[in-house]
Amino acid sequence: MHDFTTNIDIYDESRDLYYKSISNKDKKHENEKSMFSKIKQPFSKVINLAIIDTQKDSYKLLFGANENVDIQFVQFEMAYDENQRKIIFQDEHQNIRNNKNIVKRGIKNKLLIGLNVEETLELWVANKEGNSLQKLVKVEKDESWHLDVKNSKIRVISSVNSAFLMQSFEW
């Protein structure tokens, strides 16, 4: 399983947008302990993402209100760091790779969303306003993925039973 910590509560100053995760308590796992805690606490999962346009004082939900999703993470570019010559993401996750000596460029108007679907991870993309939402690929448990910043690619890699398979998608 792909484990991520999800609590989205962040501004994107490049677009004047605010992202806030919407959670619900999962009764099925109500008395489970957190992986890093001995204390039992209610388990909640992120079921949607509110995208607030701070200029218009309006919002949009990323997924429909009746869709049953389990959001594991949301990634997006925030700024260019001229001193370190890299793109700053709102969360410097281990799946963000090849992010050194980047030629200065504009910040991409994209969200990368990871959904937990029956013990697999689905990667979805949308623009930062939440439009043009589409599923990219399903990442199986024995596969890995990363975002190659320098080459603007999302890659899914499988190397099982002496076979190697790579899928690439534009970022």
C-alpha atoms as a PDB file:
ATOM      1  CA  MET A   1       0.000   0.000   0.000  1.00  0.00           C
ATOM      2  CA  HIS A   2       1.161   3.540  -0.663  1.00  0.00           C
ATOM      3  CA  ASP A   3       1.102   5.457   2.639  1.00  0.00           C
ATOM      4  CA  PHE A   4       0.731   9.214   2.715  1.00  0.00           C
ATOM      5  CA  THR A   5      -0.344  11.660   5.392  1.00  0.00           C
ATOM      6  CA  THR A   6      -3.241  13.739   4.213  1.00  0.00           C
ATOM      7  CA  ASN A   7      -4.384  17.005   5.691  1.00  0.00           C
ATOM      8  CA  ILE A   8      -4.565  19.643   3.044  1.00  0.00           C
ATOM      9  CA  ASP A   9      -4.741  23.206   4.339  1.00  0.00           C
ATOM     10  CA  ILE A  10      -2.653  25.500   2.161  1.00  0.00           C
ATOM     11  CA  TYR A  11      -2.695  28.622   0.013  1.00  0.00           C
ATOM     12  CA  ASP A  12      -1.346  28.769  -3.524  1.00  0.00           C
ATOM     13  CA  GLU A  13      -0.265  32.390  -3.826  1.00  0.00           C
ATOM     14  CA  SER A  14       0.539  32.008  -7.530  1.00  0.00           C
ATOM     15  CA  ARG A  15      -3.198  31.614  -8.271  1.00  0.00           C
ATOM     16  CA  ASP A  16      -4.845  33.152  -5.169  1.00  0.00           C
ATOM     17  CA  LEU A  17      -6.364  29.771  -4.321  1.00  0.00           C
ATOM     18  CA  TYR A  18      -6.822  28.080  -0.956  1.00  0.00           C
ATOM     19  CA  TYR A  19      -7.084  24.278  -0.688  1.00  0.00           C
ATOM     20  CA  LYS A  20      -8.831  22.613   2.238  1.00  0.00           C
ATOM     21  CA  SER A  21      -9.363  18.886   2.640  1.00  0.00           C
ATOM     22  CA  ILE A  22     -12.821  17.598   3.538  1.00  0.00           C
ATOM     23  CA  SER A  23     -12.737  14.575   5.844  1.00  0.00           C
ATOM     24  CA  ASN A  24     -15.205  12.160   7.332  1.00  0.00           C
ATOM     25  CA  LYS A  25     -14.845   9.678  10.142  1.00  0.00           C
ATOM     26  CA  ASP A  26     -14.681   6.113   8.929  1.00  0.00           C
ATOM     27  CA  LYS A  27     -16.806   4.039  11.342  1.00  0.00           C
ATOM     28  CA  LYS A  28     -15.167   0.843  10.111  1.00  0.00           C
ATOM     29  CA  HIS A  29     -11.771   1.957  11.497  1.00  0.00           C
ATOM     30  CA  GLU A  30     -13.014   4.061  14.396  1.00  0.00           C
ATOM     31  CA  ASN A  31     -10.894   2.397  17.103  1.00  0.00           C
ATOM     32  CA  GLU A  32      -7.688   1.885  15.141  1.00  0.00           C
ATOM     33  CA  LYS A  33      -4.400   3.330  16.321  1.00  0.00           C
ATOM     34  CA  SER A  34      -2.361   5.581  14.144  1.00  0.00           C
ATOM     35  CA  MET A  35       0.817   3.984  12.825  1.00  0.00           C
ATOM     36  CA  PHE A  36       2.878   6.419  14.935  1.00  0.00           C
ATOM     37  CA  SER A  37       0.735   6.557  18.057  1.00  0.00           C
ATOM     38  CA  LYS A  38      -0.283   4.220  20.854  1.00  0.00           C
ATOM     39  CA  ILE A  39      -3.485   6.193  21.341  1.00  0.00           C
ATOM     40  CA  LYS A  40      -6.656   4.968  19.665  1.00  0.00           C
ATOM     41  CA  GLN A  41      -8.410   7.753  17.869  1.00  0.00           C
ATOM     42  CA  PRO A  42     -11.135   8.126  15.265  1.00  0.00           C
ATOM     43  CA  PHE A  43      -9.867   7.373  11.774  1.00  0.00           C
ATOM     44  CA  SER A  44     -10.825   9.869   9.100  1.00  0.00           C
ATOM     45  CA  LYS A  45     -10.189   9.901   5.405  1.00  0.00           C
ATOM     46  CA  VAL A  46     -10.103  12.777   2.972  1.00  0.00           C
ATOM     47  CA  ILE A  47     -13.165  12.434   0.784  1.00  0.00           C
ATOM     48  CA  ASN A  48     -12.902  15.654  -1.213  1.00  0.00           C
ATOM     49  CA  LEU A  49     -10.968  18.865  -1.695  1.00  0.00           C
ATOM     50  CA  ALA A  50     -12.470  22.356  -1.526  1.00  0.00           C
ATOM     51  CA  ILE A  51     -10.741  24.784  -3.878  1.00  0.00           C
ATOM     52  CA  ILE A  52     -11.451  28.331  -2.751  1.00  0.00           C
ATOM     53  CA  ASP A  53     -10.951  31.253  -5.112  1.00  0.00           C
ATOM     54  CA  THR A  54      -9.918  33.945  -2.642  1.00  0.00           C
ATOM     55  CA  GLN A  55     -10.514  36.790  -5.122  1.00  0.00           C
ATOM     56  CA  LYS A  56     -14.102  35.775  -5.906  1.00  0.00           C
ATOM     57  CA  ASP A  57     -14.796  34.365  -2.425  1.00  0.00           C
ATOM     58  CA  SER A  58     -16.261  31.224  -4.008  1.00  0.00           C
ATOM     59  CA  TYR A  59     -15.338  27.557  -3.974  1.00  0.00           C
ATOM     60  CA  LYS A  60     -15.517  24.380  -6.008  1.00  0.00           C
ATOM     61  CA  LEU A  61     -15.275  20.750  -4.900  1.00  0.00           C
ATOM     62  CA  LEU A  62     -12.694  18.734  -6.822  1.00  0.00           C
ATOM     63  CA  PHE A  63     -14.886  15.620  -6.907  1.00  0.00           C
ATOM     64  CA  GLY A  64     -18.666  15.443  -7.060  1.00  0.00           C
ATOM     65  CA  ALA A  65     -20.463  15.427  -3.703  1.00  0.00           C
ATOM     66  CA  ASN A  66     -21.732  11.865  -4.264  1.00  0.00           C
ATOM     67  CA  GLU A  67     -18.427  10.363  -5.399  1.00  0.00           C
ATOM     68  CA  ASN A  68     -16.792   7.977  -2.940  1.00  0.00           C
ATOM     69  CA  VAL A  69     -13.072   8.796  -3.031  1.00  0.00           C
ATOM     70  CA  ASP A  70     -10.181   8.450  -0.580  1.00  0.00           C
ATOM     71  CA  ILE A  71      -7.626  11.181  -1.324  1.00  0.00           C
ATOM     72  CA  GLN A  72      -4.113  10.199  -0.229  1.00  0.00           C
ATOM     73  CA  PHE A  73      -2.278  13.319  -1.420  1.00  0.00           C
ATOM     74  CA  VAL A  74      -2.413  16.412  -3.589  1.00  0.00           C
ATOM     75  CA  GLN A  75       0.776  17.829  -5.107  1.00  0.00           C
ATOM     76  CA  PHE A  76       1.308  21.102  -6.926  1.00  0.00           C
ATOM     77  CA  GLU A  77       4.074  23.542  -7.787  1.00  0.00           C
ATOM     78  CA  MET A  78       4.199  26.731  -5.724  1.00  0.00           C
ATOM     79  CA  ALA A  79       7.297  28.711  -6.723  1.00  0.00           C
ATOM     80  CA  TYR A  80      10.753  28.670  -8.270  1.00  0.00           C
ATOM     81  CA  ASP A  81      13.695  28.877  -5.857  1.00  0.00           C
ATOM     82  CA  GLU A  82      16.380  30.868  -7.688  1.00  0.00           C
ATOM     83  CA  ASN A  83      19.085  30.158  -5.089  1.00  0.00           C
ATOM     84  CA  GLN A  84      18.629  26.375  -5.162  1.00  0.00           C
ATOM     85  CA  ARG A  85      17.469  26.314  -8.811  1.00  0.00           C
ATOM     86  CA  LYS A  86      14.511  24.043  -8.080  1.00  0.00           C
ATOM     87  CA  ILE A  87      10.714  24.073  -8.081  1.00  0.00           C
ATOM     88  CA  ILE A  88       9.100  24.372  -4.661  1.00  0.00           C
ATOM     89  CA  PHE A  89       6.116  22.091  -4.081  1.00  0.00           C
ATOM     90  CA  GLN A  90       3.639  22.508  -1.242  1.00  0.00           C
ATOM     91  CA  ASP A  91       4.901  19.172   0.109  1.00  0.00           C
ATOM     92  CA  GLU A  92       8.447  17.988  -0.601  1.00  0.00           C
ATOM     93  CA  HIS A  93       7.466  14.328  -0.895  1.00  0.00           C
ATOM     94  CA  GLN A  94       9.922  11.549  -1.750  1.00  0.00           C
ATOM     95  CA  ASN A  95       8.137  10.979  -5.069  1.00  0.00           C
ATOM     96  CA  ILE A  96       9.270  14.426  -6.293  1.00  0.00           C
ATOM     97  CA  ARG A  97      12.552  13.685  -8.071  1.00  0.00           C
ATOM     98  CA  ASN A  98      15.118  15.177 -10.437  1.00  0.00           C
ATOM     99  CA  ASN A  99      14.427  18.631  -8.999  1.00  0.00           C
ATOM    100  CA  LYS A 100      17.916  20.165  -9.167  1.00  0.00           C
ATOM    101  CA  ASN A 101      19.450  22.627 -11.598  1.00  0.00           C
ATOM    102  CA  ILE A 102      16.054  23.418 -13.076  1.00  0.00           C
ATOM    103  CA  VAL A 103      16.020  26.182 -15.679  1.00  0.00           C
ATOM    104  CA  LYS A 104      13.745  28.974 -14.499  1.00  0.00           C
ATOM    105  CA  ARG A 105      10.244  28.545 -15.882  1.00  0.00           C
ATOM    106  CA  GLY A 106       6.671  29.371 -15.005  1.00  0.00           C
ATOM    107  CA  ILE A 107       4.814  27.412 -12.340  1.00  0.00           C
ATOM    108  CA  LYS A 108       2.564  24.731 -13.819  1.00  0.00           C
ATOM    109  CA  ASN A 109      -1.175  25.137 -13.458  1.00  0.00           C
ATOM    110  CA  LYS A 110      -1.632  21.503 -12.397  1.00  0.00           C
ATOM    111  CA  LEU A 111      -2.693  19.389  -9.457  1.00  0.00           C
ATOM    112  CA  LEU A 112      -1.527  15.802  -9.052  1.00  0.00           C
ATOM    113  CA  ILE A 113      -3.995  13.830  -6.953  1.00  0.00           C
ATOM    114  CA  GLY A 114      -3.470  10.348  -5.491  1.00  0.00           C
ATOM    115  CA  LEU A 115      -6.533   8.250  -4.637  1.00  0.00           C
ATOM    116  CA  ASN A 116      -6.581   5.041  -2.621  1.00  0.00           C
ATOM    117  CA  VAL A 117      -8.743   2.596  -4.578  1.00  0.00           C
ATOM    118  CA  GLU A 118      -8.945  -1.005  -3.332  1.00  0.00           C
ATOM    119  CA  GLU A 119      -5.318  -1.261  -2.150  1.00  0.00           C
ATOM    120  CA  THR A 120      -3.955   0.509  -5.248  1.00  0.00           C
ATOM    121  CA  LEU A 121      -3.114   4.120  -5.972  1.00  0.00           C
ATOM    122  CA  GLU A 122      -4.774   6.019  -8.809  1.00  0.00           C
ATOM    123  CA  LEU A 123      -3.029   9.138 -10.104  1.00  0.00           C
ATOM    124  CA  TRP A 124      -5.295  11.916 -11.342  1.00  0.00           C
ATOM    125  CA  VAL A 125      -4.556  15.388 -12.740  1.00  0.00           C
ATOM    126  CA  ALA A 126      -6.530  18.627 -12.942  1.00  0.00           C
ATOM    127  CA  ASN A 127      -5.717  22.272 -13.295  1.00  0.00           C
ATOM    128  CA  LYS A 128      -5.304  24.230 -10.064  1.00  0.00           C
ATOM    129  CA  GLU A 129      -8.887  25.497 -10.239  1.00  0.00           C
ATOM    130  CA  GLY A 130     -10.090  21.870 -10.235  1.00  0.00           C
ATOM    131  CA  ASN A 131     -11.174  21.770 -13.881  1.00  0.00           C
ATOM    132  CA  SER A 132     -10.212  19.170 -16.499  1.00  0.00           C
ATOM    133  CA  LEU A 133     -10.027  16.404 -13.867  1.00  0.00           C
ATOM    134  CA  GLN A 134      -8.890  13.117 -15.392  1.00  0.00           C
ATOM    135  CA  LYS A 135      -7.476   9.792 -14.288  1.00  0.00           C
ATOM    136  CA  LEU A 136      -3.942   9.145 -15.522  1.00  0.00           C
ATOM    137  CA  VAL A 137      -3.048   5.680 -14.325  1.00  0.00           C
ATOM    138  CA  LYS A 138      -3.513   3.012 -11.671  1.00  0.00           C
ATOM    139  CA  VAL A 139      -0.348   2.191  -9.702  1.00  0.00           C
ATOM    140  CA  GLU A 140      -0.372  -1.380  -8.393  1.00  0.00           C
ATOM    141  CA  LYS A 141       1.170  -2.329  -5.032  1.00  0.00           C
ATOM    142  CA  ASP A 142       4.317  -3.749  -6.640  1.00  0.00           C
ATOM    143  CA  GLU A 143       4.863  -0.671  -8.827  1.00  0.00           C
ATOM    144  CA  SER A 144       6.453   2.683  -8.007  1.00  0.00           C
ATOM    145  CA  TRP A 145       5.907   6.171  -9.342  1.00  0.00           C
ATOM    146  CA  HIS A 146       7.629   9.534  -9.283  1.00  0.00           C
ATOM    147  CA  LEU A 147       7.348  13.038 -10.669  1.00  0.00           C
ATOM    148  CA  ASP A 148      10.455  13.949 -12.691  1.00  0.00           C
ATOM    149  CA  VAL A 149      10.457  17.734 -12.374  1.00  0.00           C
ATOM    150  CA  LYS A 150      13.306  18.490 -14.806  1.00  0.00           C
ATOM    151  CA  ASN A 151      11.727  16.492 -17.641  1.00  0.00           C
ATOM    152  CA  SER A 152       8.091  17.276 -16.703  1.00  0.00           C
ATOM    153  CA  LYS A 153       7.114  13.592 -16.571  1.00  0.00           C
ATOM    154  CA  ILE A 154       5.141  11.385 -14.221  1.00  0.00           C
ATOM    155  CA  ARG A 155       6.552   7.870 -14.428  1.00  0.00           C
ATOM    156  CA  VAL A 156       5.146   4.563 -13.244  1.00  0.00           C
ATOM    157  CA  ILE A 157       7.750   1.792 -12.993  1.00  0.00           C
ATOM    158  CA  SER A 158       7.214  -1.933 -12.655  1.00  0.00           C
ATOM    159  CA  SER A 159      10.080  -4.377 -12.253  1.00  0.00           C
ATOM    160  CA  VAL A 160       8.570  -7.723 -11.298  1.00  0.00           C
ATOM    161  CA  ASN A 161       9.549 -11.271 -12.313  1.00  0.00           C
ATOM    162  CA  SER A 162      12.554 -10.132 -14.374  1.00  0.00           C
ATOM    163  CA  ALA A 163      10.354  -7.826 -16.438  1.00  0.00           C
ATOM    164  CA  PHE A 164      10.643  -4.043 -16.615  1.00  0.00           C
ATOM    165  CA  LEU A 165       7.822  -1.766 -17.679  1.00  0.00           C
ATOM    166  CA  MET A 166       7.744   2.030 -17.687  1.00  0.00           C
ATOM    167  CA  GLN A 167       4.827   4.326 -18.408  1.00  0.00           C
ATOM    168  CA  SER A 168       5.378   8.097 -18.815  1.00  0.00           C
ATOM    169  CA  PHE A 169       2.837  10.907 -18.678  1.00  0.00           C
ATOM    170  CA  GLU A 170       3.284  14.630 -19.279  1.00  0.00           C
ATOM    171  CA  TRP A 171       3.377  16.824 -16.207  1.00  0.00           C
END
